[in-house]
């Protein structure tokens, strides 16, 4: 329960507004349960943006993404995914890995996160 509370707290700290929508959304590094998403939905957060690609270990599809997206949809949330591109790798291959690993029925769009990257291996 303490871990779930910390995850929810962290998720609420990264709240962002998705234009042109006026409803708040948040990005999440899963896993998060359907119950937790249901609480967020009831609190007025109808959208979740789930990490699809992790820069850990030189970059890979997030192993929690599919289940986290399913849990969010089971809680009636709209879902999108985000990824950061590992600059030492081929961007096309990274995006294709996401396309092949995560069913398109689980998200509306892919957000590309542009950040300074100090991750070892990337």
PDB file of N, CA and C in Angstrom:
ATOM      1  N   UNK A   1       0.824  -1.186   0.000  1.00  0.00           N
ATOM      2  CA  UNK A   1       0.000   0.000   0.000  1.00  0.00           C
ATOM      3  C   UNK A   1       0.873   1.255   0.000  1.00  0.00           C
ATOM      4  N   UNK A   2       1.970   1.201   0.741  1.00  0.00           N
ATOM      5  CA  UNK A   2       2.867   2.352   0.791  1.00  0.00           C
ATOM      6  C   UNK A   2       3.454   2.626  -0.594  1.00  0.00           C
ATOM      7  N   UNK A   3       3.821   1.564  -1.316  1.00  0.00           N
ATOM      8  CA  UNK A   3       4.363   1.725  -2.664  1.00  0.00           C
ATOM      9  C   UNK A   3       3.323   2.343  -3.585  1.00  0.00           C
ATOM     10  N   UNK A   4       2.082   1.874  -3.510  1.00  0.00           N
ATOM     11  CA  UNK A   4       1.020   2.424  -4.339  1.00  0.00           C
ATOM     12  C   UNK A   4       0.820   3.901  -4.039  1.00  0.00           C
ATOM     13  N   UNK A   5       0.841   4.266  -2.771  1.00  0.00           N
ATOM     14  CA  UNK A   5       0.691   5.669  -2.395  1.00  0.00           C
ATOM     15  C   UNK A   5       1.821   6.514  -2.959  1.00  0.00           C
ATOM     16  N   UNK A   6       3.039   5.981  -2.909  1.00  0.00           N
ATOM     17  CA  UNK A   6       4.174   6.722  -3.459  1.00  0.00           C
ATOM     18  C   UNK A   6       4.064   6.877  -4.973  1.00  0.00           C
ATOM     19  N   UNK A   7       3.606   5.832  -5.646  1.00  0.00           N
ATOM     20  CA  UNK A   7       3.423   5.911  -7.099  1.00  0.00           C
ATOM     21  C   UNK A   7       2.365   6.950  -7.442  1.00  0.00           C
ATOM     22  N   UNK A   8       1.239   6.914  -6.722  1.00  0.00           N
ATOM     23  CA  UNK A   8       0.188   7.892  -6.979  1.00  0.00           C
ATOM     24  C   UNK A   8       0.674   9.307  -6.717  1.00  0.00           C
ATOM     25  N   UNK A   9       1.404   9.492  -5.633  1.00  0.00           N
ATOM     26  CA  UNK A   9       1.948  10.813  -5.314  1.00  0.00           C
ATOM     27  C   UNK A   9       2.885  11.275  -6.424  1.00  0.00           C
ATOM     28  N   UNK A  10       3.766  10.391  -6.874  1.00  0.00           N
ATOM     29  CA  UNK A  10       4.694  10.747  -7.952  1.00  0.00           C
ATOM     30  C   UNK A  10       3.941  11.072  -9.238  1.00  0.00           C
ATOM     31  N   UNK A  11       2.906  10.308  -9.529  1.00  0.00           N
ATOM     32  CA  UNK A  11       2.125  10.562 -10.742  1.00  0.00           C
ATOM     33  C   UNK A  11       1.464  11.930 -10.680  1.00  0.00           C
ATOM     34  N   UNK A  12       0.947  12.283  -9.531  1.00  0.00           N
ATOM     35  CA  UNK A  12       0.292  13.583  -9.405  1.00  0.00           C
ATOM     36  C   UNK A  12       1.280  14.739  -9.493  1.00  0.00           C
ATOM     37  N   UNK A  13       2.535  14.493  -9.153  1.00  0.00           N
ATOM     38  CA  UNK A  13       3.548  15.545  -9.258  1.00  0.00           C
ATOM     39  C   UNK A  13       3.889  15.887 -10.699  1.00  0.00           C
ATOM     40  N   UNK A  14       3.638  14.968 -11.614  1.00  0.00           N
ATOM     41  CA  UNK A  14       4.004  15.202 -13.011  1.00  0.00           C
ATOM     42  C   UNK A  14       2.778  15.511 -13.875  1.00  0.00           C
ATOM     43  N   UNK A  15       1.751  16.081 -13.254  1.00  0.00           N
ATOM     44  CA  UNK A  15       0.531  16.429 -13.985  1.00  0.00           C
ATOM     45  C   UNK A  15       0.866  17.439 -15.081  1.00  0.00           C
ATOM     46  N   UNK A  16       0.248  17.230 -16.218  1.00  0.00           N
ATOM     47  CA  UNK A  16       0.421  18.164 -17.314  1.00  0.00           C
ATOM     48  C   UNK A  16      -0.893  18.315 -18.057  1.00  0.00           C
ATOM     49  N   UNK A  17      -1.030  19.408 -18.765  1.00  0.00           N
ATOM     50  CA  UNK A  17      -2.235  19.669 -19.541  1.00  0.00           C
ATOM     51  C   UNK A  17      -1.971  19.297 -20.991  1.00  0.00           C
ATOM     52  N   UNK A  18      -2.901  18.570 -21.603  1.00  0.00           N
ATOM     53  CA  UNK A  18      -2.765  18.170 -22.997  1.00  0.00           C
ATOM     54  C   UNK A  18      -3.610  19.126 -23.843  1.00  0.00           C
ATOM     55  N   UNK A  19      -2.970  19.888 -24.702  1.00  0.00           N
ATOM     56  CA  UNK A  19      -3.688  20.817 -25.578  1.00  0.00           C
ATOM     57  C   UNK A  19      -4.322  20.021 -26.710  1.00  0.00           C
ATOM     58  N   UNK A  20      -5.486  20.337 -27.177  1.00  0.00           N
ATOM     59  CA  UNK A  20      -6.327  21.451 -26.741  1.00  0.00           C
ATOM     60  C   UNK A  20      -7.299  21.069 -25.635  1.00  0.00           C
ATOM     61  N   UNK A  21      -7.149  19.905 -25.055  1.00  0.00           N
ATOM     62  CA  UNK A  21      -8.042  19.475 -23.985  1.00  0.00           C
ATOM     63  C   UNK A  21      -7.811  20.314 -22.742  1.00  0.00           C
ATOM     64  N   UNK A  22      -8.843  20.449 -21.948  1.00  0.00           N
ATOM     65  CA  UNK A  22      -8.709  21.207 -20.712  1.00  0.00           C
ATOM     66  C   UNK A  22      -8.632  20.296 -19.496  1.00  0.00           C
ATOM     67  N   UNK A  23      -8.863  19.011 -19.685  1.00  0.00           N
ATOM     68  CA  UNK A  23      -8.793  18.074 -18.571  1.00  0.00           C
ATOM     69  C   UNK A  23      -7.340  17.749 -18.260  1.00  0.00           C
ATOM     70  N   UNK A  24      -6.996  17.659 -16.979  1.00  0.00           N
ATOM     71  CA  UNK A  24      -5.613  17.326 -16.634  1.00  0.00           C
ATOM     72  C   UNK A  24      -5.293  15.867 -16.957  1.00  0.00           C
ATOM     73  N   UNK A  25      -4.042  15.612 -17.208  1.00  0.00           N
ATOM     74  CA  UNK A  25      -3.546  14.265 -17.469  1.00  0.00           C
ATOM     75  C   UNK A  25      -2.248  14.093 -16.697  1.00  0.00           C
ATOM     76  N   UNK A  26      -1.729  12.894 -16.678  1.00  0.00           N
ATOM     77  CA  UNK A  26      -0.453  12.659 -16.019  1.00  0.00           C
ATOM     78  C   UNK A  26       0.298  11.600 -16.788  1.00  0.00           C
ATOM     79  N   UNK A  27       1.629  11.635 -16.656  1.00  0.00           N
ATOM     80  CA  UNK A  27       2.389  10.546 -17.254  1.00  0.00           C
ATOM     81  C   UNK A  27       2.817   9.599 -16.152  1.00  0.00           C
ATOM     82  N   UNK A  28       2.923   8.340 -16.528  1.00  0.00           N
ATOM     83  CA  UNK A  28       3.168   7.297 -15.529  1.00  0.00           C
ATOM     84  C   UNK A  28       4.227   6.322 -16.017  1.00  0.00           C
ATOM     85  N   UNK A  29       5.097   5.978 -15.101  1.00  0.00           N
ATOM     86  CA  UNK A  29       6.021   4.868 -15.307  1.00  0.00           C
ATOM     87  C   UNK A  29       5.429   3.745 -14.468  1.00  0.00           C
ATOM     88  N   UNK A  30       4.817   2.758 -15.145  1.00  0.00           N
ATOM     89  CA  UNK A  30       4.040   1.714 -14.484  1.00  0.00           C
ATOM     90  C   UNK A  30       4.881   0.789 -13.648  1.00  0.00           C
ATOM     91  N   UNK A  31       4.279  -0.198 -13.066  1.00  0.00           N
ATOM     92  CA  UNK A  31       2.877  -0.563 -13.223  1.00  0.00           C
ATOM     93  C   UNK A  31       1.974   0.190 -12.247  1.00  0.00           C
ATOM     94  N   UNK A  32       0.734   0.320 -12.625  1.00  0.00           N
ATOM     95  CA  UNK A  32      -0.287   0.907 -11.769  1.00  0.00           C
ATOM     96  C   UNK A  32      -1.551   0.069 -11.960  1.00  0.00           C
ATOM     97  N   UNK A  33      -2.262  -0.191 -10.882  1.00  0.00           N
ATOM     98  CA  UNK A  33      -3.419  -1.088 -10.934  1.00  0.00           C
ATOM     99  C   UNK A  33      -4.666  -0.384 -11.468  1.00  0.00           C
ATOM    100  N   UNK A  34      -5.635  -1.177 -11.871  1.00  0.00           N
ATOM    101  CA  UNK A  34      -6.923  -0.631 -12.300  1.00  0.00           C
ATOM    102  C   UNK A  34      -7.561   0.158 -11.166  1.00  0.00           C
ATOM    103  N   UNK A  35      -7.455  -0.334  -9.948  1.00  0.00           N
ATOM    104  CA  UNK A  35      -8.020   0.363  -8.790  1.00  0.00           C
ATOM    105  C   UNK A  35      -7.380   1.743  -8.627  1.00  0.00           C
ATOM    106  N   UNK A  36      -6.077   1.816  -8.755  1.00  0.00           N
ATOM    107  CA  UNK A  36      -5.387   3.106  -8.629  1.00  0.00           C
ATOM    108  C   UNK A  36      -5.822   4.060  -9.739  1.00  0.00           C
ATOM    109  N   UNK A  37      -5.913   3.550 -10.975  1.00  0.00           N
ATOM    110  CA  UNK A  37      -6.386   4.393 -12.072  1.00  0.00           C
ATOM    111  C   UNK A  37      -7.826   4.828 -11.834  1.00  0.00           C
ATOM    112  N   UNK A  38      -8.644   3.948 -11.274  1.00  0.00           N
ATOM    113  CA  UNK A  38     -10.028   4.301 -10.964  1.00  0.00           C
ATOM    114  C   UNK A  38     -10.110   5.445  -9.975  1.00  0.00           C
ATOM    115  N   UNK A  39      -9.233   5.442  -8.986  1.00  0.00           N
ATOM    116  CA  UNK A  39      -9.189   6.545  -8.014  1.00  0.00           C
ATOM    117  C   UNK A  39      -8.815   7.856  -8.701  1.00  0.00           C
ATOM    118  N   UNK A  40      -7.817   7.792  -9.587  1.00  0.00           N
ATOM    119  CA  UNK A  40      -7.407   8.989 -10.311  1.00  0.00           C
ATOM    120  C   UNK A  40      -8.525   9.495 -11.221  1.00  0.00           C
ATOM    121  N   UNK A  41      -9.192   8.560 -11.892  1.00  0.00           N
ATOM    122  CA  UNK A  41     -10.301   8.933 -12.774  1.00  0.00           C
ATOM    123  C   UNK A  41     -11.410   9.619 -11.968  1.00  0.00           C
ATOM    124  N   UNK A  42     -11.755   9.045 -10.823  1.00  0.00           N
ATOM    125  CA  UNK A  42     -12.800   9.621  -9.966  1.00  0.00           C
ATOM    126  C   UNK A  42     -12.410  10.985  -9.421  1.00  0.00           C
ATOM    127  N   UNK A  43     -11.100  11.218  -9.299  1.00  0.00           N
ATOM    128  CA  UNK A  43     -10.606  12.501  -8.789  1.00  0.00           C
ATOM    129  C   UNK A  43     -10.505  13.560  -9.889  1.00  0.00           C
ATOM    130  N   UNK A  44     -10.910  13.212 -11.115  1.00  0.00           N
ATOM    131  CA  UNK A  44     -10.929  14.206 -12.179  1.00  0.00           C
ATOM    132  C   UNK A  44      -9.780  14.141 -13.167  1.00  0.00           C
ATOM    133  N   UNK A  45      -9.097  13.011 -13.206  1.00  0.00           N
ATOM    134  CA  UNK A  45      -7.985  12.820 -14.144  1.00  0.00           C
ATOM    135  C   UNK A  45      -8.391  11.758 -15.168  1.00  0.00           C
ATOM    136  N   UNK A  46      -8.971  12.167 -16.306  1.00  0.00           N
ATOM    137  CA  UNK A  46      -9.504  11.195 -17.251  1.00  0.00           C
ATOM    138  C   UNK A  46      -8.489  10.615 -18.232  1.00  0.00           C
ATOM    139  N   UNK A  47      -7.267  11.145 -18.239  1.00  0.00           N
ATOM    140  CA  UNK A  47      -6.269  10.727 -19.225  1.00  0.00           C
ATOM    141  C   UNK A  47      -4.980  10.266 -18.555  1.00  0.00           C
ATOM    142  N   UNK A  48      -4.381   9.217 -19.117  1.00  0.00           N
ATOM    143  CA  UNK A  48      -3.084   8.727 -18.651  1.00  0.00           C
ATOM    144  C   UNK A  48      -2.141   8.635 -19.844  1.00  0.00           C
ATOM    145  N   UNK A  49      -0.911   9.052 -19.636  1.00  0.00           N
ATOM    146  CA  UNK A  49       0.128   8.926 -20.654  1.00  0.00           C
ATOM    147  C   UNK A  49       1.178   7.982 -20.070  1.00  0.00           C
ATOM    148  N   UNK A  50       1.278   6.806 -20.645  1.00  0.00           N
ATOM    149  CA  UNK A  50       2.097   5.723 -20.095  1.00  0.00           C
ATOM    150  C   UNK A  50       3.427   5.633 -20.850  1.00  0.00           C
ATOM    151  N   UNK A  51       4.515   5.450 -20.081  1.00  0.00           N
ATOM    152  CA  UNK A  51       5.822   5.290 -20.721  1.00  0.00           C
ATOM    153  C   UNK A  51       5.843   3.993 -21.521  1.00  0.00           C
ATOM    154  N   UNK A  52       6.201   4.104 -22.799  1.00  0.00           N
ATOM    155  CA  UNK A  52       6.255   2.946 -23.681  1.00  0.00           C
ATOM    156  C   UNK A  52       7.682   2.498 -23.947  1.00  0.00           C
ATOM    157  N   UNK A  53       8.633   3.406 -23.812  1.00  0.00           N
ATOM    158  CA  UNK A  53      10.017   3.087 -24.133  1.00  0.00           C
ATOM    159  C   UNK A  53      10.901   3.671 -23.052  1.00  0.00           C
ATOM    160  N   UNK A  54      11.708   2.831 -22.449  1.00  0.00           N
ATOM    161  CA  UNK A  54      12.600   3.221 -21.362  1.00  0.00           C
ATOM    162  C   UNK A  54      14.021   3.374 -21.894  1.00  0.00           C
ATOM    163  N   UNK A  55      14.727   4.359 -21.406  1.00  0.00           N
ATOM    164  CA  UNK A  55      16.123   4.540 -21.797  1.00  0.00           C
ATOM    165  C   UNK A  55      17.077   3.661 -20.991  1.00  0.00           C
ATOM    166  N   UNK A  56      16.549   2.940 -20.013  1.00  0.00           N
ATOM    167  CA  UNK A  56      17.383   2.049 -19.206  1.00  0.00           C
ATOM    168  C   UNK A  56      18.058   1.000 -20.091  1.00  0.00           C
ATOM    169  N   UNK A  57      19.272   0.651 -19.750  1.00  0.00           N
ATOM    170  CA  UNK A  57      20.020  -0.399 -20.454  1.00  0.00           C
ATOM    171  C   UNK A  57      20.169  -0.132 -21.955  1.00  0.00           C
ATOM    172  N   UNK A  58      20.329   1.118 -22.318  1.00  0.00           N
ATOM    173  CA  UNK A  58      20.521   1.457 -23.721  1.00  0.00           C
ATOM    174  C   UNK A  58      19.247   1.570 -24.523  1.00  0.00           C
ATOM    175  N   UNK A  59      18.095   1.500 -23.859  1.00  0.00           N
ATOM    176  CA  UNK A  59      16.810   1.680 -24.502  1.00  0.00           C
ATOM    177  C   UNK A  59      16.091   0.383 -24.800  1.00  0.00           C
ATOM    178  N   UNK A  60      14.818   0.296 -24.391  1.00  0.00           N
ATOM    179  CA  UNK A  60      13.990  -0.874 -24.666  1.00  0.00           C
ATOM    180  C   UNK A  60      12.528  -0.538 -24.381  1.00  0.00           C
ATOM    181  N   UNK A  61      11.635  -1.332 -24.954  1.00  0.00           N
ATOM    182  CA  UNK A  61      10.213  -1.173 -24.680  1.00  0.00           C
ATOM    183  C   UNK A  61       9.984  -1.438 -23.193  1.00  0.00           C
ATOM    184  N   UNK A  62       9.195  -0.593 -22.557  1.00  0.00           N
ATOM    185  CA  UNK A  62       8.903  -0.750 -21.131  1.00  0.00           C
ATOM    186  C   UNK A  62       8.077  -2.019 -20.933  1.00  0.00           C
ATOM    187  N   UNK A  63       8.568  -2.968 -20.135  1.00  0.00           N
ATOM    188  CA  UNK A  63       7.845  -4.238 -19.962  1.00  0.00           C
ATOM    189  C   UNK A  63       6.510  -4.092 -19.233  1.00  0.00           C
ATOM    190  N   UNK A  64       6.279  -2.958 -18.569  1.00  0.00           N
ATOM    191  CA  UNK A  64       5.019  -2.745 -17.848  1.00  0.00           C
ATOM    192  C   UNK A  64       3.974  -2.010 -18.674  1.00  0.00           C
ATOM    193  N   UNK A  65       4.335  -1.527 -19.851  1.00  0.00           N
ATOM    194  CA  UNK A  65       3.456  -0.641 -20.606  1.00  0.00           C
ATOM    195  C   UNK A  65       2.113  -1.273 -20.971  1.00  0.00           C
ATOM    196  N   UNK A  66       2.125  -2.461 -21.529  1.00  0.00           N
ATOM    197  CA  UNK A  66       0.876  -3.078 -21.989  1.00  0.00           C
ATOM    198  C   UNK A  66      -0.095  -3.262 -20.832  1.00  0.00           C
ATOM    199  N   UNK A  67       0.343  -3.861 -19.743  1.00  0.00           N
ATOM    200  CA  UNK A  67      -0.554  -4.093 -18.605  1.00  0.00           C
ATOM    201  C   UNK A  67      -1.024  -2.777 -17.996  1.00  0.00           C
ATOM    202  N   UNK A  68      -0.143  -1.793 -17.909  1.00  0.00           N
ATOM    203  CA  UNK A  68      -0.522  -0.494 -17.344  1.00  0.00           C
ATOM    204  C   UNK A  68      -1.570   0.184 -18.215  1.00  0.00           C
ATOM    205  N   UNK A  69      -1.411   0.120 -19.532  1.00  0.00           N
ATOM    206  CA  UNK A  69      -2.406   0.682 -20.451  1.00  0.00           C
ATOM    207  C   UNK A  69      -3.748  -0.043 -20.313  1.00  0.00           C
ATOM    208  N   UNK A  70      -3.705  -1.364 -20.224  1.00  0.00           N
ATOM    209  CA  UNK A  70      -4.943  -2.140 -20.051  1.00  0.00           C
ATOM    210  C   UNK A  70      -5.641  -1.750 -18.753  1.00  0.00           C
ATOM    211  N   UNK A  71      -4.869  -1.585 -17.690  1.00  0.00           N
ATOM    212  CA  UNK A  71      -5.443  -1.202 -16.399  1.00  0.00           C
ATOM    213  C   UNK A  71      -6.088   0.178 -16.478  1.00  0.00           C
ATOM    214  N   UNK A  72      -5.431   1.117 -17.152  1.00  0.00           N
ATOM    215  CA  UNK A  72      -5.995   2.464 -17.296  1.00  0.00           C
ATOM    216  C   UNK A  72      -7.291   2.416 -18.110  1.00  0.00           C
ATOM    217  N   UNK A  73      -7.298   1.667 -19.193  1.00  0.00           N
ATOM    218  CA  UNK A  73      -8.517   1.559 -19.999  1.00  0.00           C
ATOM    219  C   UNK A  73      -9.633   0.873 -19.222  1.00  0.00           C
ATOM    220  N   UNK A  74      -9.289  -0.116 -18.405  1.00  0.00           N
ATOM    221  CA  UNK A  74     -10.299  -0.785 -17.572  1.00  0.00           C
ATOM    222  C   UNK A  74     -10.924   0.176 -16.565  1.00  0.00           C
ATOM    223  N   UNK A  75     -10.229   1.260 -16.255  1.00  0.00           N
ATOM    224  CA  UNK A  75     -10.747   2.283 -15.351  1.00  0.00           C
ATOM    225  C   UNK A  75     -11.402   3.427 -16.134  1.00  0.00           C
ATOM    226  N   UNK A  76     -11.671   3.199 -17.430  1.00  0.00           N
ATOM    227  CA  UNK A  76     -12.339   4.163 -18.308  1.00  0.00           C
ATOM    228  C   UNK A  76     -11.509   5.394 -18.641  1.00  0.00           C
ATOM    229  N   UNK A  77     -10.204   5.287 -18.526  1.00  0.00           N
ATOM    230  CA  UNK A  77      -9.337   6.417 -18.858  1.00  0.00           C
ATOM    231  C   UNK A  77      -8.963   6.380 -20.336  1.00  0.00           C
ATOM    232  N   UNK A  78      -8.758   7.563 -20.908  1.00  0.00           N
ATOM    233  CA  UNK A  78      -8.189   7.672 -22.243  1.00  0.00           C
ATOM    234  C   UNK A  78      -6.683   7.457 -22.090  1.00  0.00           C
ATOM    235  N   UNK A  79      -6.068   6.766 -23.036  1.00  0.00           N
ATOM    236  CA  UNK A  79      -4.653   6.436 -22.889  1.00  0.00           C
ATOM    237  C   UNK A  79      -3.845   6.863 -24.110  1.00  0.00           C
ATOM    238  N   UNK A  80      -2.660   7.353 -23.828  1.00  0.00           N
ATOM    239  CA  UNK A  80      -1.640   7.656 -24.824  1.00  0.00           C
ATOM    240  C   UNK A  80      -0.336   7.101 -24.282  1.00  0.00           C
ATOM    241  N   UNK A  81       0.687   7.085 -25.101  1.00  0.00           N
ATOM    242  CA  UNK A  81       1.999   6.619 -24.646  1.00  0.00           C
ATOM    243  C   UNK A  81       3.048   7.674 -24.959  1.00  0.00           C
ATOM    244  N   UNK A  82       4.166   7.586 -24.231  1.00  0.00           N
ATOM    245  CA  UNK A  82       5.287   8.472 -24.527  1.00  0.00           C
ATOM    246  C   UNK A  82       6.568   7.669 -24.552  1.00  0.00           C
ATOM    247  N   UNK A  83       7.541   8.200 -25.266  1.00  0.00           N
ATOM    248  CA  UNK A  83       8.858   7.583 -25.320  1.00  0.00           C
ATOM    249  C   UNK A  83       9.897   8.665 -25.519  1.00  0.00           C
ATOM    250  N   UNK A  84      11.086   8.411 -25.006  1.00  0.00           N
ATOM    251  CA  UNK A  84      12.251   9.238 -25.296  1.00  0.00           C
ATOM    252  C   UNK A  84      13.137   8.397 -26.206  1.00  0.00           C
ATOM    253  N   UNK A  85      13.763   9.046 -27.154  1.00  0.00           N
ATOM    254  CA  UNK A  85      14.615   8.339 -28.107  1.00  0.00           C
ATOM    255  C   UNK A  85      16.035   8.284 -27.560  1.00  0.00           C
ATOM    256  N   UNK A  86      16.631   7.107 -27.592  1.00  0.00           N
ATOM    257  CA  UNK A  86      18.030   6.937 -27.191  1.00  0.00           C
ATOM    258  C   UNK A  86      18.902   7.410 -28.362  1.00  0.00           C
ATOM    259  N   UNK A  87      19.653   8.510 -28.205  1.00  0.00           N
ATOM    260  CA  UNK A  87      20.386   9.070 -29.342  1.00  0.00           C
ATOM    261  C   UNK A  87      21.506   8.185 -29.886  1.00  0.00           C
ATOM    262  N   UNK A  88      21.978   7.214 -29.119  1.00  0.00           N
ATOM    263  CA  UNK A  88      23.016   6.307 -29.614  1.00  0.00           C
ATOM    264  C   UNK A  88      22.442   5.173 -30.453  1.00  0.00           C
ATOM    265  N   UNK A  89      21.117   5.101 -30.527  1.00  0.00           N
ATOM    266  CA  UNK A  89      20.476   4.036 -31.293  1.00  0.00           C
ATOM    267  C   UNK A  89      19.762   4.606 -32.508  1.00  0.00           C
ATOM    268  N   UNK A  90      19.185   3.719 -33.285  1.00  0.00           N
ATOM    269  CA  UNK A  90      18.433   4.098 -34.470  1.00  0.00           C
ATOM    270  C   UNK A  90      17.004   4.456 -34.053  1.00  0.00           C
ATOM    271  N   UNK A  91      16.602   5.695 -34.275  1.00  0.00           N
ATOM    272  CA  UNK A  91      15.284   6.162 -33.845  1.00  0.00           C
ATOM    273  C   UNK A  91      14.159   5.359 -34.492  1.00  0.00           C
ATOM    274  N   UNK A  92      14.291   5.032 -35.768  1.00  0.00           N
ATOM    275  CA  UNK A  92      13.264   4.259 -36.459  1.00  0.00           C
ATOM    276  C   UNK A  92      13.080   2.895 -35.811  1.00  0.00           C
ATOM    277  N   UNK A  93      14.165   2.240 -35.464  1.00  0.00           N
ATOM    278  CA  UNK A  93      14.085   0.927 -34.813  1.00  0.00           C
ATOM    279  C   UNK A  93      13.400   1.022 -33.455  1.00  0.00           C
ATOM    280  N   UNK A  94      13.679   2.102 -32.738  1.00  0.00           N
ATOM    281  CA  UNK A  94      13.074   2.272 -31.422  1.00  0.00           C
ATOM    282  C   UNK A  94      11.562   2.474 -31.534  1.00  0.00           C
ATOM    283  N   UNK A  95      11.145   3.314 -32.464  1.00  0.00           N
ATOM    284  CA  UNK A  95       9.711   3.537 -32.666  1.00  0.00           C
ATOM    285  C   UNK A  95       9.048   2.249 -33.161  1.00  0.00           C
ATOM    286  N   UNK A  96       9.689   1.542 -34.081  1.00  0.00           N
ATOM    287  CA  UNK A  96       9.137   0.275 -34.576  1.00  0.00           C
ATOM    288  C   UNK A  96       8.998  -0.754 -33.457  1.00  0.00           C
ATOM    289  N   UNK A  97       9.940  -0.768 -32.525  1.00  0.00           N
ATOM    290  CA  UNK A  97       9.848  -1.697 -31.395  1.00  0.00           C
ATOM    291  C   UNK A  97       8.589  -1.426 -30.579  1.00  0.00           C
ATOM    292  N   UNK A  98       8.261  -0.149 -30.399  1.00  0.00           N
ATOM    293  CA  UNK A  98       7.033   0.211 -29.680  1.00  0.00           C
ATOM    294  C   UNK A  98       5.813  -0.230 -30.472  1.00  0.00           C
ATOM    295  N   UNK A  99       5.801   0.081 -31.784  1.00  0.00           N
ATOM    296  CA  UNK A  99       4.672  -0.332 -32.629  1.00  0.00           C
ATOM    297  C   UNK A  99       4.440  -1.836 -32.577  1.00  0.00           C
ATOM    298  N   UNK A 100       5.506  -2.619 -32.589  1.00  0.00           N
ATOM    299  CA  UNK A 100       5.384  -4.075 -32.609  1.00  0.00           C
ATOM    300  C   UNK A 100       5.009  -4.664 -31.251  1.00  0.00           C
ATOM    301  N   UNK A 101       5.359  -3.963 -30.172  1.00  0.00           N
ATOM    302  CA  UNK A 101       5.170  -4.518 -28.832  1.00  0.00           C
ATOM    303  C   UNK A 101       3.882  -4.089 -28.149  1.00  0.00           C
ATOM    304  N   UNK A 102       3.337  -2.948 -28.552  1.00  0.00           N
ATOM    305  CA  UNK A 102       2.169  -2.404 -27.863  1.00  0.00           C
ATOM    306  C   UNK A 102       1.019  -2.277 -28.864  1.00  0.00           C
ATOM    307  N   UNK A 103      -0.051  -3.031 -28.660  1.00  0.00           N
ATOM    308  CA  UNK A 103      -1.178  -2.966 -29.589  1.00  0.00           C
ATOM    309  C   UNK A 103      -1.728  -1.547 -29.727  1.00  0.00           C
ATOM    310  N   UNK A 104      -2.004  -1.148 -30.951  1.00  0.00           N
ATOM    311  CA  UNK A 104      -2.486   0.217 -31.201  1.00  0.00           C
ATOM    312  C   UNK A 104      -3.851   0.481 -30.574  1.00  0.00           C
ATOM    313  N   UNK A 105      -4.568  -0.559 -30.190  1.00  0.00           N
ATOM    314  CA  UNK A 105      -5.862  -0.381 -29.529  1.00  0.00           C
ATOM    315  C   UNK A 105      -5.707   0.136 -28.099  1.00  0.00           C
ATOM    316  N   UNK A 106      -4.469   0.132 -27.591  1.00  0.00           N
ATOM    317  CA  UNK A 106      -4.237   0.554 -26.210  1.00  0.00           C
ATOM    318  C   UNK A 106      -3.858   2.024 -26.065  1.00  0.00           C
ATOM    319  N   UNK A 107      -3.706   2.755 -27.171  1.00  0.00           N
ATOM    320  CA  UNK A 107      -3.320   4.170 -27.067  1.00  0.00           C
ATOM    321  C   UNK A 107      -3.832   4.956 -28.254  1.00  0.00           C
ATOM    322  N   UNK A 108      -3.956   6.259 -28.040  1.00  0.00           N
ATOM    323  CA  UNK A 108      -4.410   7.139 -29.097  1.00  0.00           C
ATOM    324  C   UNK A 108      -3.266   7.750 -29.885  1.00  0.00           C
ATOM    325  N   UNK A 109      -2.225   8.169 -29.198  1.00  0.00           N
ATOM    326  CA  UNK A 109      -1.080   8.772 -29.871  1.00  0.00           C
ATOM    327  C   UNK A 109       0.193   8.475 -29.113  1.00  0.00           C
ATOM    328  N   UNK A 110       1.297   8.666 -29.796  1.00  0.00           N
ATOM    329  CA  UNK A 110       2.622   8.524 -29.182  1.00  0.00           C
ATOM    330  C   UNK A 110       3.206   9.919 -29.024  1.00  0.00           C
ATOM    331  N   UNK A 111       3.582  10.255 -27.809  1.00  0.00           N
ATOM    332  CA  UNK A 111       4.273  11.504 -27.529  1.00  0.00           C
ATOM    333  C   UNK A 111       5.767  11.204 -27.514  1.00  0.00           C
ATOM    334  N   UNK A 112       6.546  12.057 -28.130  1.00  0.00           N
ATOM    335  CA  UNK A 112       8.002  11.927 -28.089  1.00  0.00           C
ATOM    336  C   UNK A 112       8.513  12.910 -27.047  1.00  0.00           C
ATOM    337  N   UNK A 113       9.178  12.390 -26.050  1.00  0.00           N
ATOM    338  CA  UNK A 113       9.702  13.207 -24.956  1.00  0.00           C
ATOM    339  C   UNK A 113      11.111  13.659 -25.333  1.00  0.00           C
ATOM    340  N   UNK A 114      11.301  14.969 -25.381  1.00  0.00           N
ATOM    341  CA  UNK A 114      12.605  15.528 -25.753  1.00  0.00           C
ATOM    342  C   UNK A 114      13.248  16.057 -24.470  1.00  0.00           C
ATOM    343  N   UNK A 115      14.315  15.378 -24.042  1.00  0.00           N
ATOM    344  CA  UNK A 115      14.987  15.749 -22.796  1.00  0.00           C
ATOM    345  C   UNK A 115      16.485  15.601 -22.966  1.00  0.00           C
ATOM    346  N   UNK A 116      17.271  16.337 -22.170  1.00  0.00           N
ATOM    347  CA  UNK A 116      18.697  16.039 -22.158  1.00  0.00           C
ATOM    348  C   UNK A 116      18.877  14.620 -21.619  1.00  0.00           C
ATOM    349  N   UNK A 117      19.698  13.851 -22.245  1.00  0.00           N
ATOM    350  CA  UNK A 117      19.813  12.448 -21.878  1.00  0.00           C
ATOM    351  C   UNK A 117      21.192  12.132 -21.320  1.00  0.00           C
ATOM    352  N   UNK A 118      21.222  11.785 -20.063  1.00  0.00           N
ATOM    353  CA  UNK A 118      22.474  11.383 -19.414  1.00  0.00           C
ATOM    354  C   UNK A 118      22.446   9.917 -19.015  1.00  0.00           C
ATOM    355  N   UNK A 119      21.496   9.154 -19.550  1.00  0.00           N
ATOM    356  CA  UNK A 119      21.358   7.745 -19.219  1.00  0.00           C
ATOM    357  C   UNK A 119      22.545   6.960 -19.758  1.00  0.00           C
ATOM    358  N   UNK A 120      23.230   6.185 -18.917  1.00  0.00           N
ATOM    359  CA  UNK A 120      24.346   5.365 -19.413  1.00  0.00           C
ATOM    360  C   UNK A 120      23.862   4.434 -20.530  1.00  0.00           C
ATOM    361  N   UNK A 121      24.620   4.331 -21.580  1.00  0.00           N
ATOM    362  CA  UNK A 121      24.265   3.480 -22.713  1.00  0.00           C
ATOM    363  C   UNK A 121      23.512   4.228 -23.797  1.00  0.00           C
ATOM    364  N   UNK A 122      22.973   5.364 -23.450  1.00  0.00           N
ATOM    365  CA  UNK A 122      22.321   6.215 -24.450  1.00  0.00           C
ATOM    366  C   UNK A 122      23.163   7.431 -24.615  1.00  0.00           C
TER     367      UNK A 122
END
